[in-house]
Amino acid sequence: MSINSGDRPWPQTLDHEDMEWPPEEQRVLVPFREAVNVTETGFLGASVTFGTDGSLYILHAVEDDVSRPAEIREHVELKREIQDEFGVPVVQQTDDYSRSMLDSFVSSHSITTTVVDREEASLFPTGRPEETVLRDCHTVVGTGMDAFDSPSSILVPVAKGPHSGLATRIAESIARAYGAWIELFHVLPEDAPEETERDADKLLDAYSYQLDDDVEVDYHVLRAPDTAEAIVEHAGYHSLTILGAPEKGKLRRFLFGSTTDEVTRNAESKPILTAHRASVDSFVSRWF
C-alpha cells in the first residue's frame, strides 16, 4: 500500500514527544574507542546529520599519547571522506579515555543524538550501549555495522510506543541522505480479529503521515505466528532495519525476552539499528 498521498485527511493522532525529533539544533556524536567499522559508523552518523540539517561530532578515545599520531591520521581521512560524501560540518576530537569521558562530552557539547556501533560497548560504563547512562540525548546502537553501505530501502517495524516514533524519524533522516525508501511494518498474531488489523493499518498510516513527502514510504501489516521471526525474515528484503528499543525493564526482559533483543540476536548479514530515547526513567522503572 503506497502512502504519502492526499487521501488521508484525518490520520490517527500519535501522542508522544519523540515524533518531534530532531531538535532544531541537531548535534550528532559518533564515538570510537575500539575503532571498529569506523567508516561505516561514521557514514551512518553523517547520514543522520545530513537528514536533519545538523552538525556531526566525532570523538576518538585513546589510551595514551603513543597511539595518538596514528589515530589522528586516520581521523583526518575519515573527516575528508564524510565531507566529500555528505558535505556536513564535522568536528573531530581526540581525548584520553575515561569512564566519564562520554557523559562529559555529551554535556559540554549539547549533543542531542549519539550513534554508536555495538562493538564499541566499552565506551559505556555498564559495557552495554542499551543500558547507557547518557540521559541527555537519544542513542542509536548499530549491530552488524560492517555491512552498512548506502541503504536503498529501510525496514521499520513499529508498535504504539514512543521508541517506534523515534525509529521512524531516524529512518526518515537516513532515507533522505541516501534517497532510500521506507517500509513501516507491523506483525499481528494469526488469530487477531479484523478490527485489530484495521487498527494496525490506522497506526501505520498515522506514522507515515508524520513523515515528509520527500521520502517514499510504504506500509505493511502481516499476520504471523512469531513476531521476531517475521521481522528477521522481512529484514532480509531490505538494506537496513531500524527498531525501537525494548520498553520492558531489564528484569522483565531477562525473564520474558523482547522482540527487539531477539531480532538483533538472530538477524544475519544486514545491519540493525536500535533507537533508544534519552532516559528520564527512574532506576526502579528501568528494572521493572
Protein backbone atom coordinates (compact mmCIF):
# COMPACT_ATOMS: atom_id res chain seq x y z
CA MET A 1 0.00 0.00 0.00
CA SER A 2 1.51 3.27 -1.07
CA ILE A 3 1.09 6.25 1.22
CA ASN A 4 2.14 9.90 1.38
CA SER A 5 -0.98 10.64 -0.64
CA GLY A 6 -3.61 13.30 -0.11
CA ASP A 7 -6.48 10.95 0.66
CA ARG A 8 -5.96 10.79 4.45
CA PRO A 9 -7.46 13.98 5.89
CA TRP A 10 -7.86 12.66 9.46
CA PRO A 11 -4.97 10.39 10.44
CA GLN A 12 -4.87 8.87 13.90
CA THR A 13 -3.06 11.08 16.42
CA LEU A 14 0.27 9.90 17.80
CA ASP A 15 0.61 11.38 21.24
CA HIS A 16 4.27 11.06 22.10
CA GLU A 17 7.04 13.61 22.03
CA ASP A 18 9.60 11.60 20.07
CA MET A 19 7.73 12.30 16.84
CA GLU A 20 9.14 15.81 17.35
CA TRP A 21 12.72 14.56 16.85
CA PRO A 22 15.05 16.00 15.62
CA PRO A 23 15.56 19.15 17.69
CA GLU A 24 16.05 22.48 16.00
CA GLU A 25 19.80 22.33 16.61
CA GLN A 26 20.76 18.74 15.98
CA ARG A 27 24.22 17.70 17.18
CA VAL A 28 25.14 14.10 16.36
CA LEU A 29 28.01 12.35 18.14
CA VAL A 30 29.83 9.27 16.81
CA PRO A 31 32.28 7.96 19.45
CA PHE A 32 35.04 5.41 18.93
CA ARG A 33 37.38 3.52 21.22
CA GLU A 34 37.94 0.09 19.65
CA ALA A 35 37.93 1.81 16.21
CA VAL A 36 35.90 -0.94 14.54
CA ASN A 37 33.77 -0.19 11.45
CA VAL A 38 34.94 3.40 11.62
CA THR A 39 33.96 4.37 8.07
CA GLU A 40 30.58 2.60 8.21
CA THR A 41 29.56 4.07 11.57
CA GLY A 42 30.93 7.47 10.61
CA PHE A 43 28.83 7.42 7.45
CA LEU A 44 25.75 6.35 9.41
CA GLY A 45 26.20 9.26 11.79
CA ALA A 46 26.81 11.58 8.85
CA SER A 47 23.62 10.42 7.13
CA VAL A 48 21.57 11.14 10.27
CA THR A 49 23.28 14.54 10.44
CA PHE A 50 22.63 15.30 6.77
CA GLY A 51 19.00 14.24 7.00
CA THR A 52 18.35 16.53 9.96
CA ASP A 53 20.46 19.55 8.92
CA GLY A 54 22.69 19.08 11.93
CA SER A 55 26.34 19.10 12.90
CA LEU A 56 28.48 15.98 13.31
CA TYR A 57 30.93 15.39 16.15
CA ILE A 58 33.41 12.50 16.03
CA LEU A 59 35.09 11.60 19.31
CA HIS A 60 38.10 9.27 19.39
CA ALA A 61 39.10 7.82 22.76
CA VAL A 62 42.76 6.87 23.02
CA GLU A 63 44.66 5.11 25.79
CA ASP A 64 47.90 7.10 25.72
CA ASP A 65 49.89 9.64 23.72
CA VAL A 66 51.84 6.90 21.92
CA SER A 67 48.89 5.94 19.71
CA ARG A 68 47.70 9.50 19.15
CA PRO A 69 49.65 10.41 15.93
CA ALA A 70 48.46 7.31 14.03
CA GLU A 71 44.91 7.84 15.28
CA ILE A 72 44.90 11.45 14.13
CA ARG A 73 45.99 10.50 10.59
CA GLU A 74 43.11 8.02 10.32
CA HIS A 75 40.69 10.60 11.69
CA VAL A 76 41.67 13.22 9.13
CA GLU A 77 40.94 10.75 6.34
CA LEU A 78 37.53 9.87 7.83
CA LYS A 79 36.60 13.54 8.07
CA ARG A 80 37.59 14.09 4.44
CA GLU A 81 35.51 11.13 3.27
CA ILE A 82 32.46 12.28 5.21
CA GLN A 83 32.66 15.83 3.92
CA ASP A 84 33.14 14.63 0.34
CA GLU A 85 30.09 12.34 0.63
CA PHE A 86 27.68 14.46 2.69
CA GLY A 87 29.04 18.00 2.96
CA VAL A 88 28.05 18.26 6.64
CA PRO A 89 30.03 20.23 9.22
CA VAL A 90 32.35 17.87 11.12
CA VAL A 91 34.13 18.49 14.42
CA GLN A 92 36.69 15.87 15.49
CA GLN A 93 38.27 15.49 18.88
CA THR A 94 40.75 13.01 20.38
CA ASP A 95 40.69 12.56 24.16
CA ASP A 96 42.23 10.21 26.68
CA TYR A 97 39.71 7.58 27.63
CA SER A 98 37.98 7.72 30.99
CA ARG A 99 34.70 6.33 32.29
CA SER A 100 33.19 9.80 32.41
CA MET A 101 34.50 10.96 29.03
CA LEU A 102 31.34 10.24 27.03
CA ASP A 103 28.95 11.83 29.53
CA SER A 104 31.19 14.88 29.79
CA PHE A 105 31.37 15.31 26.02
CA VAL A 106 27.60 14.97 25.60
CA SER A 107 27.04 17.57 28.29
CA SER A 108 29.70 20.06 27.23
CA HIS A 109 28.77 19.97 23.52
CA SER A 110 24.97 19.77 23.96
CA ILE A 111 24.82 16.52 21.98
CA THR A 112 21.27 15.57 21.01
CA THR A 113 21.84 12.15 19.37
CA THR A 114 24.64 9.61 19.77
CA VAL A 115 25.28 6.98 17.06
CA VAL A 116 27.46 4.08 18.22
CA ASP A 117 28.49 0.66 16.95
CA ARG A 118 27.55 -2.08 19.43
CA GLU A 119 31.17 -3.29 19.20
CA GLU A 120 32.23 -0.04 20.86
CA ALA A 121 30.48 -1.17 24.06
CA SER A 122 33.49 -0.46 26.29
CA LEU A 123 32.80 3.25 25.83
CA PHE A 124 29.83 2.89 28.14
CA PRO A 125 30.22 2.49 31.91
CA THR A 126 27.94 -0.56 32.01
CA GLY A 127 29.60 -2.13 28.96
CA ARG A 128 26.21 -2.26 27.18
CA PRO A 129 25.01 0.64 24.98
CA GLU A 130 21.35 -0.25 25.67
CA GLU A 131 21.98 0.35 29.37
CA THR A 132 23.77 3.63 28.85
CA VAL A 133 23.67 6.41 31.42
CA LEU A 134 23.51 9.03 28.66
CA ARG A 135 20.33 10.60 29.97
CA ASP A 136 20.53 13.83 27.97
CA CYS A 137 20.47 12.54 24.40
CA HIS A 138 18.94 9.83 22.25
CA THR A 139 21.13 6.88 21.29
CA VAL A 140 21.20 4.83 18.08
CA VAL A 141 23.01 1.49 18.51
CA GLY A 142 24.19 -0.32 15.37
CA THR A 143 24.59 -4.10 15.07
CA GLY A 144 26.29 -5.64 12.05
CA MET A 145 27.72 -2.30 11.03
CA ASP A 146 30.37 -3.93 8.85
CA ALA A 147 27.52 -4.46 6.33
CA PHE A 148 26.31 -0.85 6.34
CA ASP A 149 26.61 0.56 2.83
CA SER A 150 24.38 3.17 1.12
CA PRO A 151 20.98 1.63 2.00
CA SER A 152 18.36 1.66 -0.76
CA SER A 153 15.49 0.54 1.49
CA ILE A 154 14.81 0.67 5.23
CA LEU A 155 12.50 -1.59 7.24
CA VAL A 156 10.96 -0.07 10.37
CA PRO A 157 8.91 -2.50 12.49
CA VAL A 158 6.63 -0.33 14.63
CA ALA A 159 4.24 -0.58 17.55
CA LYS A 160 2.43 2.07 19.58
CA GLY A 161 5.25 3.22 21.84
CA PRO A 162 7.44 6.32 21.53
CA HIS A 163 10.54 4.28 20.68
CA SER A 164 8.81 3.41 17.40
CA GLY A 165 8.23 7.09 16.77
CA LEU A 166 11.92 7.79 17.20
CA ALA A 167 12.79 4.84 14.93
CA THR A 168 10.64 6.25 12.12
CA ARG A 169 12.33 9.63 12.45
CA ILE A 170 15.80 8.08 12.38
CA ALA A 171 14.79 6.15 9.26
CA GLU A 172 13.47 9.33 7.67
CA SER A 173 16.80 11.13 8.15
CA ILE A 174 18.84 8.25 6.70
CA ALA A 175 16.42 7.80 3.80
CA ARG A 176 16.71 11.48 2.97
CA ALA A 177 20.51 11.25 2.90
CA TYR A 178 20.65 8.17 0.64
CA GLY A 179 17.45 8.51 -1.40
CA ALA A 180 16.15 5.29 0.17
CA TRP A 181 12.52 4.30 0.65
CA ILE A 182 10.97 3.18 3.94
CA GLU A 183 8.64 0.28 4.75
CA LEU A 184 6.73 0.57 8.02
CA PHE A 185 5.92 -2.94 9.25
CA HIS A 186 3.63 -4.35 11.93
CA VAL A 187 3.12 -8.01 12.85
CA LEU A 188 -0.19 -9.35 14.22
CA PRO A 189 -0.99 -12.76 15.70
CA GLU A 190 -2.53 -15.09 13.14
CA ASP A 191 -5.83 -15.16 15.03
CA ALA A 192 -6.09 -11.40 15.56
CA PRO A 193 -9.62 -10.07 14.83
CA GLU A 194 -10.26 -7.94 11.76
CA GLU A 195 -10.79 -4.91 13.96
CA THR A 196 -7.24 -5.25 15.29
CA GLU A 197 -5.89 -5.37 11.75
CA ARG A 198 -7.81 -2.21 10.88
CA ASP A 199 -6.37 -0.52 13.95
CA ALA A 200 -2.87 -1.59 12.87
CA ASP A 201 -3.45 -0.08 9.43
CA LYS A 202 -4.53 3.17 11.07
CA LEU A 203 -1.46 3.14 13.31
CA LEU A 204 0.95 2.76 10.38
CA ASP A 205 -0.99 5.36 8.44
CA ALA A 206 -0.58 7.76 11.36
CA TYR A 207 3.18 7.18 11.50
CA SER A 208 3.54 7.58 7.74
CA TYR A 209 1.52 10.80 7.81
CA GLN A 210 4.15 12.33 10.11
CA LEU A 211 6.98 11.77 7.61
CA ASP A 212 7.89 14.34 4.99
CA ASP A 213 6.72 13.90 1.43
CA ASP A 214 10.30 13.97 0.15
CA VAL A 215 10.73 10.40 1.46
CA GLU A 216 8.92 7.48 -0.19
CA VAL A 217 7.07 5.35 2.37
CA ASP A 218 5.03 2.15 2.15
CA TYR A 219 3.49 0.15 4.97
CA HIS A 220 2.58 -3.48 5.53
CA VAL A 221 0.59 -5.34 8.20
CA LEU A 222 1.41 -9.07 8.39
CA ARG A 223 -0.17 -11.94 10.31
CA ALA A 224 2.44 -14.40 11.60
CA PRO A 225 2.86 -16.92 14.44
CA ASP A 226 6.11 -15.35 15.70
CA THR A 227 6.75 -11.60 15.58
CA ALA A 228 10.55 -11.73 15.82
CA GLU A 229 10.86 -14.43 13.15
CA ALA A 230 8.63 -12.44 10.80
CA ILE A 231 10.74 -9.32 11.28
CA VAL A 232 14.00 -11.20 10.75
CA GLU A 233 12.66 -12.75 7.54
CA HIS A 234 11.34 -9.42 6.26
CA ALA A 235 14.61 -7.67 7.13
CA GLY A 236 16.29 -9.85 4.53
CA TYR A 237 14.50 -7.91 1.80
CA HIS A 238 15.89 -4.54 2.96
CA SER A 239 19.30 -2.90 3.24
CA LEU A 240 18.76 -1.72 6.82
CA THR A 241 16.33 -2.35 9.70
CA ILE A 242 15.58 0.14 12.48
CA LEU A 243 13.69 -0.85 15.62
CA GLY A 244 12.61 0.98 18.73
CA ALA A 245 14.38 -0.14 21.88
CA PRO A 246 12.51 -2.54 24.20
CA GLU A 247 10.22 -0.77 26.66
CA LYS A 248 10.32 -3.62 29.16
CA GLY A 249 12.55 -3.20 32.19
CA LYS A 250 15.75 -5.22 32.47
CA LEU A 251 14.25 -7.84 34.81
CA ARG A 252 11.18 -8.44 32.61
CA ARG A 253 13.40 -8.70 29.54
CA PHE A 254 15.59 -11.25 31.34
CA LEU A 255 12.56 -13.33 32.31
CA PHE A 256 10.42 -12.99 29.20
CA GLY A 257 12.68 -11.62 26.47
CA SER A 258 11.80 -8.91 23.96
CA THR A 259 11.17 -8.83 20.23
CA THR A 260 13.92 -6.24 19.66
CA ASP A 261 16.51 -8.33 21.51
CA GLU A 262 15.54 -11.46 19.59
CA VAL A 263 15.69 -9.73 16.20
CA THR A 264 19.08 -8.20 16.99
CA ARG A 265 20.49 -11.59 18.02
CA ASN A 266 19.16 -13.50 15.02
CA ALA A 267 19.38 -11.11 12.07
CA GLU A 268 22.06 -12.16 9.62
CA SER A 269 24.28 -10.14 7.26
CA LYS A 270 22.17 -6.95 7.35
CA PRO A 271 22.75 -4.06 9.76
CA ILE A 272 20.19 -3.49 12.52
CA LEU A 273 19.78 -0.17 14.36
CA THR A 274 18.07 0.18 17.72
CA ALA A 275 16.73 3.61 18.67
CA HIS A 276 16.83 4.47 22.39
CA ARG A 277 15.15 7.53 23.82
CA ALA A 278 17.01 9.83 26.17
CA SER A 279 16.37 8.23 29.55
CA VAL A 280 14.17 10.08 32.02
CA ASP A 281 13.07 6.94 33.89
CA SER A 282 13.89 6.14 37.47
CA PHE A 283 16.26 3.34 38.43
CA VAL A 284 13.29 1.20 39.56
CA SER A 285 11.31 1.67 36.33
CA ARG A 286 14.34 0.76 34.22
CA TRP A 287 14.48 -2.58 36.04
CA PHE A 288 10.77 -3.42 36.02
